[in-house]
Protein backbone atom coordinates (compact mmCIF):
# COMPACT_ATOMS: atom_id res chain seq x y z
CA UNK A 1 0.00 0.00 0.00
CA UNK A 2 1.29 3.41 -0.97
CA UNK A 3 2.07 5.47 2.13
CA UNK A 4 0.59 8.70 0.86
CA UNK A 5 -1.11 11.48 2.82
CA UNK A 6 -4.40 9.54 3.04
CA UNK A 7 -2.52 6.57 4.49
CA UNK A 8 -0.92 8.62 7.25
CA UNK A 9 -4.16 10.41 8.09
CA UNK A 10 -5.89 7.05 8.48
CA UNK A 11 -2.95 5.80 10.52
CA UNK A 12 -3.35 8.87 12.75
CA UNK A 13 -7.00 8.02 13.35
CA UNK A 14 -6.02 4.51 14.42
CA UNK A 15 -3.39 5.88 16.81
CA UNK A 16 -5.87 8.32 18.36
CA UNK A 17 -8.52 5.61 18.77
CA UNK A 18 -5.97 3.33 20.44
CA UNK A 19 -4.99 6.08 22.85
CA UNK A 20 -8.60 6.78 23.78
CA UNK A 21 -9.16 3.09 24.46
CA UNK A 22 -6.15 3.00 26.77
CA UNK A 23 -7.35 6.13 28.56
CA UNK A 24 -10.76 4.50 29.11
CA UNK A 25 -9.09 1.47 30.65
CA UNK A 26 -6.70 3.46 32.84
CA UNK A 27 -9.44 5.73 34.22
CA UNK A 28 -10.91 2.69 35.99
CA UNK A 29 -7.67 2.14 37.93
CA UNK A 30 -6.84 3.62 41.33
CA UNK A 31 -4.39 6.45 42.03
CA UNK A 32 -1.24 4.40 42.69
CA UNK A 33 -1.79 2.18 39.65
CA UNK A 34 -2.18 5.19 37.37
CA UNK A 35 0.86 6.88 38.90
CA UNK A 36 2.87 3.71 38.32
CA UNK A 37 1.80 2.87 34.77
CA UNK A 38 0.08 5.83 33.11
CA UNK A 39 -0.62 4.89 29.50
CA UNK A 40 2.73 3.21 28.96
CA UNK A 41 2.10 -0.52 28.47
CA UNK A 42 3.82 -3.61 27.08
CA UNK A 43 2.45 -3.08 23.57
CA UNK A 44 3.99 0.38 23.38
CA UNK A 45 7.23 -0.84 24.91
CA UNK A 46 7.57 -3.71 22.46
CA UNK A 47 6.57 -1.74 19.38
CA UNK A 48 8.50 1.45 20.05
CA UNK A 49 11.05 1.09 22.81
CA UNK A 50 12.82 -2.26 22.50
CA UNK A 51 10.70 -3.70 25.28
CA UNK A 52 11.88 -1.23 27.94
CA UNK A 53 9.76 -1.72 31.07
CA UNK A 54 10.39 1.91 32.05
CA UNK A 55 9.51 4.90 29.91
CA UNK A 56 12.58 6.03 27.94
CA UNK A 57 13.99 9.54 27.89
CA UNK A 58 13.94 11.04 24.40
CA UNK A 59 16.86 13.47 24.50
CA UNK A 60 16.31 14.50 20.91
CA UNK A 61 15.19 17.83 19.48
CA UNK A 62 13.29 16.43 16.51
CA UNK A 63 11.39 13.48 15.05
CA UNK A 64 12.32 11.91 11.73
CA UNK A 65 9.61 10.97 9.20
CA UNK A 66 9.38 8.02 6.83
CA UNK A 67 8.44 10.21 3.87
CA UNK A 68 7.11 13.64 2.92
CA UNK A 69 3.49 12.52 3.28
CA UNK A 70 4.00 11.52 6.92
CA UNK A 71 5.71 14.85 7.62
CA UNK A 72 2.84 16.71 5.97
CA UNK A 73 0.25 14.80 7.98
CA UNK A 74 2.17 15.30 11.21
CA UNK A 75 2.93 18.99 10.87
CA UNK A 76 -0.63 19.77 9.76
CA UNK A 77 -1.80 18.03 12.96
CA UNK A 78 -3.68 15.32 11.06
CA UNK A 79 -1.92 12.50 12.91
CA UNK A 80 -0.31 12.25 16.37
CA UNK A 81 3.40 13.05 16.30
CA UNK A 82 5.88 15.05 18.31
CA UNK A 83 7.73 16.81 15.54
CA UNK A 84 10.06 19.00 17.62
CA UNK A 85 10.76 19.09 21.37
CA UNK A 86 9.81 22.76 21.65
CA UNK A 87 6.27 21.62 20.81
CA UNK A 88 6.16 18.10 22.23
CA UNK A 89 8.30 15.10 23.09
CA UNK A 90 7.47 11.43 23.79
CA UNK A 91 8.83 11.63 27.34
CA UNK A 92 6.68 14.66 28.15
CA UNK A 93 3.69 12.81 26.70
CA UNK A 94 4.16 10.03 29.27
CA UNK A 95 4.06 12.60 32.08
CA UNK A 96 1.18 14.61 30.63
CA UNK A 97 -1.02 11.56 30.12
CA UNK A 98 -0.38 10.34 33.66
CA UNK A 99 -1.11 13.76 35.15
CA UNK A 100 -4.40 14.13 33.26
CA UNK A 101 -5.47 10.70 34.51
CA UNK A 102 -4.57 11.46 38.13
CA UNK A 103 -6.67 14.62 38.01
CA UNK A 104 -9.77 12.89 36.62
CA UNK A 105 -9.70 9.10 37.15
CA UNK A 106 -12.92 7.52 38.35
CA UNK A 107 -14.99 10.21 36.63
CA UNK A 108 -16.37 10.81 33.15
CA UNK A 109 -14.37 14.05 32.85
CA UNK A 110 -12.19 14.17 29.75
CA UNK A 111 -8.95 16.06 30.29
CA UNK A 112 -5.62 16.79 28.68
CA UNK A 113 -2.37 18.07 30.15
CA UNK A 114 0.53 20.25 29.04
CA UNK A 115 3.96 20.20 30.70
CA UNK A 116 5.96 23.44 30.83
CA UNK A 117 9.41 24.57 31.92
CA UNK A 118 8.22 25.78 35.35
CA UNK A 119 5.16 26.41 37.45
CA UNK A 120 5.31 30.10 36.56
CA UNK A 121 5.35 29.32 32.84
CA UNK A 122 2.36 27.04 33.43
CA UNK A 123 0.45 29.95 34.98
CA UNK A 124 1.39 32.27 32.14
CA UNK A 125 0.48 29.66 29.53
CA UNK A 126 -2.85 28.94 31.25
CA UNK A 127 -3.91 32.59 31.50
CA UNK A 128 -2.58 34.22 28.31
CA UNK A 129 -5.30 32.89 25.95
CA UNK A 130 -8.05 34.52 28.02
CA UNK A 131 -6.49 37.98 27.83
CA UNK A 132 -6.49 38.46 24.06
CA UNK A 133 -8.02 41.58 22.56
CA UNK A 134 -11.75 41.27 21.99
CA UNK A 135 -13.77 44.39 21.20
CA UNK A 136 -16.94 42.70 22.48
CA UNK A 137 -15.43 42.63 25.97
CA UNK A 138 -13.43 45.82 26.54
CA UNK A 139 -11.61 46.80 29.74
CA UNK A 140 -10.75 43.24 30.82
CA UNK A 141 -10.12 42.34 34.43
CA UNK A 142 -9.12 39.23 36.33
CA UNK A 143 -10.29 38.29 39.81
CA UNK A 144 -7.78 36.40 41.92
CA UNK A 145 -7.18 35.41 45.50
CA UNK A 146 -4.59 37.68 47.11
CA UNK A 147 -3.22 34.68 48.97
CA UNK A 148 -0.92 33.41 46.26
CA UNK A 149 2.75 32.60 45.80
CA UNK A 150 4.98 35.69 45.47
CA UNK A 151 5.88 34.90 41.86
CA UNK A 152 2.20 34.67 40.97
CA UNK A 153 1.55 38.01 42.66
CA UNK A 154 4.38 39.55 40.63
CA UNK A 155 3.11 38.05 37.38
CA UNK A 156 -0.37 39.47 37.94
CA UNK A 157 0.45 42.75 39.70
CA UNK A 158 3.63 43.80 37.88
CA UNK A 159 3.53 42.09 34.49
CA UNK A 160 -0.24 42.25 33.95
CA UNK A 161 -1.34 45.33 35.89
CA UNK A 162 1.59 47.72 35.97
CA UNK A 163 3.14 46.89 32.60
CA UNK A 164 0.04 45.98 30.57
CA UNK A 165 -2.62 48.04 32.34
CA UNK A 166 -4.84 45.06 33.14
CA UNK A 167 -7.31 45.52 35.98
CA UNK A 168 -6.34 42.94 38.66
CA UNK A 169 -8.87 42.54 41.46
CA UNK A 170 -7.64 40.95 44.68
CA UNK A 171 -9.82 38.81 46.94
CA UNK A 172 -8.22 39.35 50.36
CA UNK A 173 -10.19 36.72 52.27
CA UNK A 174 -10.87 33.97 49.72
CA UNK A 175 -12.91 31.83 52.11
CA UNK A 176 -15.60 34.55 52.01
CA UNK A 177 -17.86 34.16 48.97
CA UNK A 178 -19.12 37.75 49.08
CA UNK A 179 -15.66 39.06 48.17
CA UNK A 180 -15.63 37.01 44.97
CA UNK A 181 -19.20 38.07 44.18
CA UNK A 182 -18.40 41.77 44.65
CA UNK A 183 -15.41 41.74 42.31
CA UNK A 184 -16.52 39.60 39.35
CA UNK A 185 -18.38 41.40 36.57
CA UNK A 186 -19.08 41.18 32.84
CA UNK A 187 -15.51 42.21 31.96
CA UNK A 188 -13.84 39.52 34.06
CA UNK A 189 -11.89 37.12 31.83
CA UNK A 190 -11.10 34.39 34.40
CA UNK A 191 -11.10 33.69 38.13
CA UNK A 192 -7.96 32.40 39.84
CA UNK A 193 -7.11 30.92 43.22
CA UNK A 194 -4.55 28.79 45.08
CA UNK A 195 -5.71 25.80 47.10
CA UNK A 196 -4.10 25.92 49.60
CA UNK A 197 -2.08 29.08 49.20
CA UNK A 198 1.65 29.47 49.63
CA UNK A 199 2.62 30.27 52.39
CA UNK A 200 -0.41 31.05 54.58
CA UNK A 201 -2.39 27.96 53.46
CA UNK A 202 -5.50 29.94 52.59
CA UNK A 203 -8.31 28.02 50.88
CA UNK A 204 -11.63 28.78 49.21
CA UNK A 205 -14.80 26.95 48.25
CA UNK A 206 -13.81 25.62 44.83
CA UNK A 207 -17.26 24.41 43.80
CA UNK A 208 -19.04 27.63 44.78
CA UNK A 209 -16.45 29.88 43.15
CA UNK A 210 -16.57 27.71 40.00
CA UNK A 211 -20.36 28.04 39.90
CA UNK A 212 -20.08 31.81 40.32
CA UNK A 213 -17.49 32.06 37.54
CA UNK A 214 -19.58 29.93 35.21
CA UNK A 215 -22.61 32.15 35.82
CA UNK A 216 -20.54 34.91 34.21
CA UNK A 217 -19.38 32.63 31.38
CA UNK A 218 -15.75 32.51 32.52
CA UNK A 219 -13.39 29.76 33.72
CA UNK A 220 -11.99 29.03 37.15
CA UNK A 221 -8.25 28.31 37.21
CA UNK A 222 -6.88 26.69 40.37
CA UNK A 223 -3.25 26.36 41.42
CA UNK A 224 -3.30 23.15 43.48
CA UNK A 225 0.46 22.81 43.90
CA UNK A 226 0.30 22.59 47.67
CA UNK A 227 -2.38 19.89 47.63
CA UNK A 228 -1.52 17.85 44.51
CA UNK A 229 -4.07 15.44 43.01
CA UNK A 230 -3.33 13.09 45.91
CA UNK A 231 -5.37 15.41 48.19
CA UNK A 232 -7.55 17.69 46.04
CA UNK A 233 -8.66 17.40 42.40
CA UNK A 234 -10.15 20.76 41.36
CA UNK A 235 -11.41 19.54 37.97
CA UNK A 236 -13.74 17.10 39.73
CA UNK A 237 -15.05 19.99 41.87
CA UNK A 238 -16.03 22.32 39.03
CA UNK A 239 -12.77 24.06 38.08
CA UNK A 240 -11.86 24.30 34.40
CA UNK A 241 -8.07 24.30 34.59
CA UNK A 242 -5.68 23.15 37.31
CA UNK A 243 -2.08 24.33 37.49
CA UNK A 244 0.69 22.51 39.32
CA UNK A 245 4.24 23.55 40.04
CA UNK A 246 5.33 19.94 39.73
CA UNK A 247 8.74 21.09 40.97
CA UNK A 248 7.18 20.68 44.42
CA UNK A 249 5.63 17.54 45.89
CA UNK A 250 4.78 15.90 42.55
CA UNK A 251 8.53 15.89 41.91
CA UNK A 252 9.34 15.51 45.58
CA UNK A 253 12.91 14.32 45.29
CA UNK A 254 13.89 17.82 44.21
CA UNK A 255 15.71 17.24 40.93
CA UNK A 256 13.72 19.31 38.45
CA UNK A 257 11.87 22.54 37.74
CA UNK A 258 8.65 21.81 35.86
CA UNK A 259 5.04 22.97 35.55
CA UNK A 260 1.81 21.23 34.57
CA UNK A 261 -1.55 22.57 33.47
CA UNK A 262 -4.48 20.21 33.03
CA UNK A 263 -7.79 21.24 31.51
CA UNK A 264 -11.13 19.51 31.20
CA UNK A 265 -12.90 19.28 27.86
CA UNK A 266 -15.33 22.04 26.90
CA UNK A 267 -14.21 24.72 29.35
CA UNK A 268 -16.44 27.73 29.86
CA UNK A 269 -15.14 30.99 28.39
CA UNK A 270 -16.47 34.09 26.65
CA UNK A 271 -13.10 34.45 24.93
CA UNK A 272 -11.42 32.24 22.35
CA UNK A 273 -12.31 29.85 19.56
CA UNK A 274 -14.49 26.78 19.90
CA UNK A 275 -11.40 24.66 19.25
CA UNK A 276 -9.70 26.26 22.24
CA UNK A 277 -12.66 25.65 24.52
CA UNK A 278 -13.12 22.05 23.43
CA UNK A 279 -9.57 20.98 24.32
CA UNK A 280 -7.67 23.84 25.90
CA UNK A 281 -4.37 22.07 26.60
CA UNK A 282 -4.06 20.45 23.18
CA UNK A 283 -4.98 23.71 21.43
CA UNK A 284 -2.48 25.59 23.60
CA UNK A 285 0.29 23.08 22.84
CA UNK A 286 -0.30 23.24 19.07
CA UNK A 287 -0.58 27.02 18.83
CA UNK A 288 0.56 29.59 21.46
CA UNK A 289 2.82 27.17 23.34
CA UNK A 290 4.49 26.21 20.06
CA UNK A 291 5.13 29.87 19.26
CA UNK A 292 6.17 31.02 22.75
CA UNK A 293 8.38 28.01 23.52
CA UNK A 294 8.23 27.41 27.33
CA UNK A 295 9.05 23.73 26.77
CA UNK A 296 10.22 21.43 29.53
CA UNK A 297 13.43 19.44 29.25
CA UNK A 298 12.62 15.74 28.64
CA UNK A 299 14.90 14.68 31.49
CA UNK A 300 12.92 16.86 33.92
CA UNK A 301 9.72 15.24 32.67
CA UNK A 302 11.23 11.79 33.19
CA UNK A 303 12.43 12.55 36.72
CA UNK A 304 9.03 13.97 37.67
CA UNK A 305 7.23 10.98 36.19
CA UNK A 306 9.30 8.67 38.38
CA UNK A 307 8.49 10.73 41.49
CA UNK A 308 4.77 10.56 40.72
CA UNK A 309 4.80 6.83 41.40
CA UNK A 310 5.17 7.44 45.15
CA UNK A 311 3.18 10.69 45.37
CA UNK A 312 0.21 9.42 47.36
CA UNK A 313 2.43 7.59 49.84
CA UNK A 314 4.65 10.62 50.35
CA UNK A 315 1.67 12.93 50.79
CA UNK A 316 0.30 10.62 53.48
CA UNK A 317 3.58 10.57 55.41
CA UNK A 318 4.22 14.30 54.99
CA UNK A 319 0.67 15.20 56.02
CA UNK A 320 0.99 13.01 59.11
CA UNK A 321 4.24 14.73 60.06
CA UNK A 322 2.88 18.21 59.42
CA UNK A 323 -0.16 17.63 61.60
CA UNK A 324 2.07 16.59 64.51
CA UNK A 325 4.36 19.58 63.97
CA UNK A 326 1.39 21.96 63.70
CA UNK A 327 -0.09 20.73 66.99
CA UNK A 328 3.29 21.02 68.69
CA UNK A 329 3.87 24.58 67.49
CA UNK A 330 0.31 25.68 68.25
CA UNK A 331 0.89 24.92 71.92
CA UNK A 332 4.36 26.45 72.10
CA UNK A 333 4.65 29.66 74.17
CA UNK A 334 6.99 31.28 71.64
CA UNK A 335 4.55 30.87 68.74
CA UNK A 336 1.76 33.40 68.17
CA UNK A 337 -0.25 31.47 65.61
CA UNK A 338 -0.11 28.46 63.35
CA UNK A 339 -1.90 28.32 59.99
CA UNK A 340 -2.68 24.73 59.00
CA UNK A 341 -5.96 23.41 57.59
CA UNK A 342 -5.88 20.36 59.87
CA UNK A 343 -6.07 22.38 63.07
CA UNK A 344 -9.48 23.06 64.57
CA UNK A 345 -8.32 26.64 65.17
CA UNK A 346 -7.92 27.12 61.40
CA UNK A 347 -10.75 29.43 60.33
CA UNK A 348 -11.70 27.36 57.28
CA UNK A 349 -11.22 23.94 58.89
CA UNK A 350 -14.69 22.72 57.85
CA UNK A 351 -13.99 23.75 54.26
CA UNK A 352 -10.69 21.86 54.37
CA UNK A 353 -12.56 18.77 55.55
CA UNK A 354 -14.86 19.13 52.56
CA UNK A 355 -12.11 19.30 49.93
CA UNK A 356 -8.94 17.67 51.29
CA UNK A 357 -8.72 13.90 51.63
CA UNK A 358 -6.18 11.27 50.70
CA UNK A 359 -6.89 9.67 47.33
CA UNK A 360 -8.54 6.23 47.48
CA UNK A 361 -8.56 6.44 51.27
CA UNK A 362 -11.30 8.89 52.21
CA UNK A 363 -9.39 10.11 55.26
CA UNK A 364 -9.00 13.85 55.69
CA UNK A 365 -5.36 14.90 55.39
CA UNK A 366 -4.12 18.44 54.97
CA UNK A 367 -0.80 18.55 53.19
CA UNK A 368 2.82 19.20 53.94
CA UNK A 369 2.93 22.96 54.49
CA UNK A 370 2.18 25.18 57.49
CA UNK A 371 2.89 28.78 58.39
CA UNK A 372 3.97 29.67 61.92
CA UNK A 373 4.06 33.20 63.28
CA UNK A 374 6.89 33.61 65.80
CA UNK A 375 6.24 35.82 68.85
CA UNK A 376 7.96 39.17 68.46
CA UNK A 377 8.40 42.27 70.60
CA UNK A 378 6.50 44.37 68.08
CA UNK A 379 4.33 43.75 65.01
CA UNK A 380 6.97 44.97 62.57
CA UNK A 381 9.86 43.03 64.09
CA UNK A 382 11.48 39.84 62.83
CA UNK A 383 14.31 39.60 65.37
CA UNK A 384 13.03 36.47 67.11
CA UNK A 385 12.02 34.89 63.83
CA UNK A 386 15.54 35.30 62.50
CA UNK A 387 17.06 33.85 65.68
CA UNK A 388 14.83 30.82 65.37
CA UNK A 389 15.45 30.45 61.66
CA UNK A 390 19.22 30.79 61.87
CA UNK A 391 19.35 28.15 64.63
CA UNK A 392 17.76 25.39 62.54
CA UNK A 393 20.11 22.46 62.00
CA UNK A 394 18.41 19.50 60.30
CA UNK A 395 15.76 21.67 58.65
CA UNK A 396 17.02 23.29 55.46
CA UNK A 397 16.95 27.08 55.08
CA UNK A 398 15.75 27.51 51.48
CA UNK A 399 12.82 28.77 49.42
CA UNK A 400 11.87 25.27 48.32
CA UNK A 401 8.89 23.18 49.47
CA UNK A 402 7.22 19.84 48.90
CA UNK A 403 10.48 17.98 49.33
CA UNK A 404 11.19 14.68 51.03
CA UNK A 405 13.43 16.84 53.25
CA UNK A 406 12.00 19.41 55.66
CA UNK A 407 12.57 22.97 54.46
CA UNK A 408 11.73 26.32 56.06
CA UNK A 409 11.78 29.91 54.85
CA UNK A 410 10.97 33.41 56.10
CA UNK A 411 8.62 34.52 53.35
CA UNK A 412 8.84 38.28 53.90
CA UNK A 413 12.53 38.22 52.96
CA UNK A 414 12.37 35.47 50.35
CA UNK A 415 9.40 34.28 48.28
CA UNK A 416 7.36 37.46 48.82
CA UNK A 417 10.13 40.03 49.22
CA UNK A 418 9.66 41.72 45.84
CA UNK A 419 5.98 42.48 46.28
CA UNK A 420 6.76 44.98 49.05
CA UNK A 421 5.03 45.73 52.33
CA UNK A 422 1.73 46.70 50.71
CA UNK A 423 1.61 43.53 48.65
CA UNK A 424 2.54 41.37 51.64
CA UNK A 425 -0.19 43.02 53.68
CA UNK A 426 -2.75 42.16 50.99
CA UNK A 427 -1.63 38.52 51.21
CA UNK A 428 -1.48 38.49 55.05
CA UNK A 429 2.24 37.76 55.13
CA UNK A 430 3.93 39.18 58.23
CA UNK A 431 7.62 39.77 59.05
CA UNK A 432 7.39 36.88 61.54
CA UNK A 433 5.81 34.36 59.14
CA UNK A 434 7.86 31.20 58.81
CA UNK A 435 6.72 28.63 56.27
CA UNK A 436 7.65 25.06 57.14
CA UNK A 437 7.39 22.29 54.55
CA UNK A 438 7.61 18.97 56.35
CA UNK A 439 9.37 16.06 54.70
CA UNK A 440 9.35 12.33 55.31
CA UNK A 441 11.79 12.26 58.22
CA UNK A 442 10.57 10.95 61.57
CA UNK A 443 8.25 13.58 63.07
CA UNK A 444 10.06 13.49 66.41
CA UNK A 445 13.31 14.52 64.75
CA UNK A 446 11.62 17.44 62.97
CA UNK A 447 10.05 18.61 66.23
CA UNK A 448 13.34 18.27 68.13
CA UNK A 449 15.07 20.46 65.55
CA UNK A 450 12.34 23.10 65.83
CA UNK A 451 12.40 22.93 69.64
CA UNK A 452 16.15 23.54 69.82
CA UNK A 453 15.84 26.49 67.43
CA UNK A 454 13.01 28.01 69.49
CA UNK A 455 15.23 27.81 72.57
CA UNK A 456 17.44 30.46 70.99
CA UNK A 457 14.65 33.01 71.47
CA UNK A 458 15.03 34.68 74.88
């Protein structure tokens, strides 16, 4: 049979049908099985990868084609291919397919995923398409929780608002629905929130905010980095797009910088083409992502994929440790306040119980991150906080989080330094805020390290 354009288009249809069949099968599995296997099976290994039981790393910039007809079919997007690693790569496909399954398994939600070079590039890639010029909707604005990572604040406040003139509306207390309701209007392009937020672990009612956004014909985008799909799956709760800085707990061994955005089919939006709405991540990969080029290195995708296999187990251990640490710190005389969704003193504890539970377990667990406010002599002081921080021994002083190793940072001088005092006040970040990301060490050893550091405060 002549391998002309018609042949390759038909071959592409067969490949797509095969993939959909494998997705249907995998969506019936449980979390750990999906994390372990994804869509990579023996048939693919034997036909493409010399029988390799593990997904290979494709450290190649480009794909070769059998003839001009296959190239034409591939580059006109009429058959699955990866073409060039700026656009796609087989190793990133393995990760993307697994991530989309973890966000939606056990449901009838269809989803696709796109891997990017970092969590920040994932946020930019997820939000750019909704901010295009459209004369039917002038004076665009976005509504976002103020309790977000410092880099996200900078991207919205500096890059979008100050440099591009976009109206950015901050929800200061995201657990309060009336704030969202008062800020969203006909010119809002999308709604954005972190669940839970970095570093003050703020949360919001995902389903209610999604319903509100959809009433205005706009999508809800959720950054669930600090929960991961092992604890919270926003797409199953009404969100349209979920963003992950997979550099954190999804890639918990700490070897790679990488971002993920996963979208459900047929997202709600007043902006964009029907093709975009039907399959946001695939459309983004084939068009703006291709042109802008925030591609992830295949080795980073491979390392993250391997870490995903133990994600649920690590989340369980880290959540257990963090609960013990949170209870210890809450009762310590040198601590003013502890922010952790698992504590009964946490103002949105009931909401956390509604949305945070270990996958395939049903038990409420609350993640690996807490924020502790150290007692100071005055509200603008950080003297005691610095004494405590500088005295840590086993706990790493760094801006990282979600690691198998316990890491702490003073956010006012690190992750949220650039947004200034006014910006930190909006996000409720104080000079004495210390974010602690608990790892998988024995909880007693973490607590002992914190105790010895607290002893340095007079």
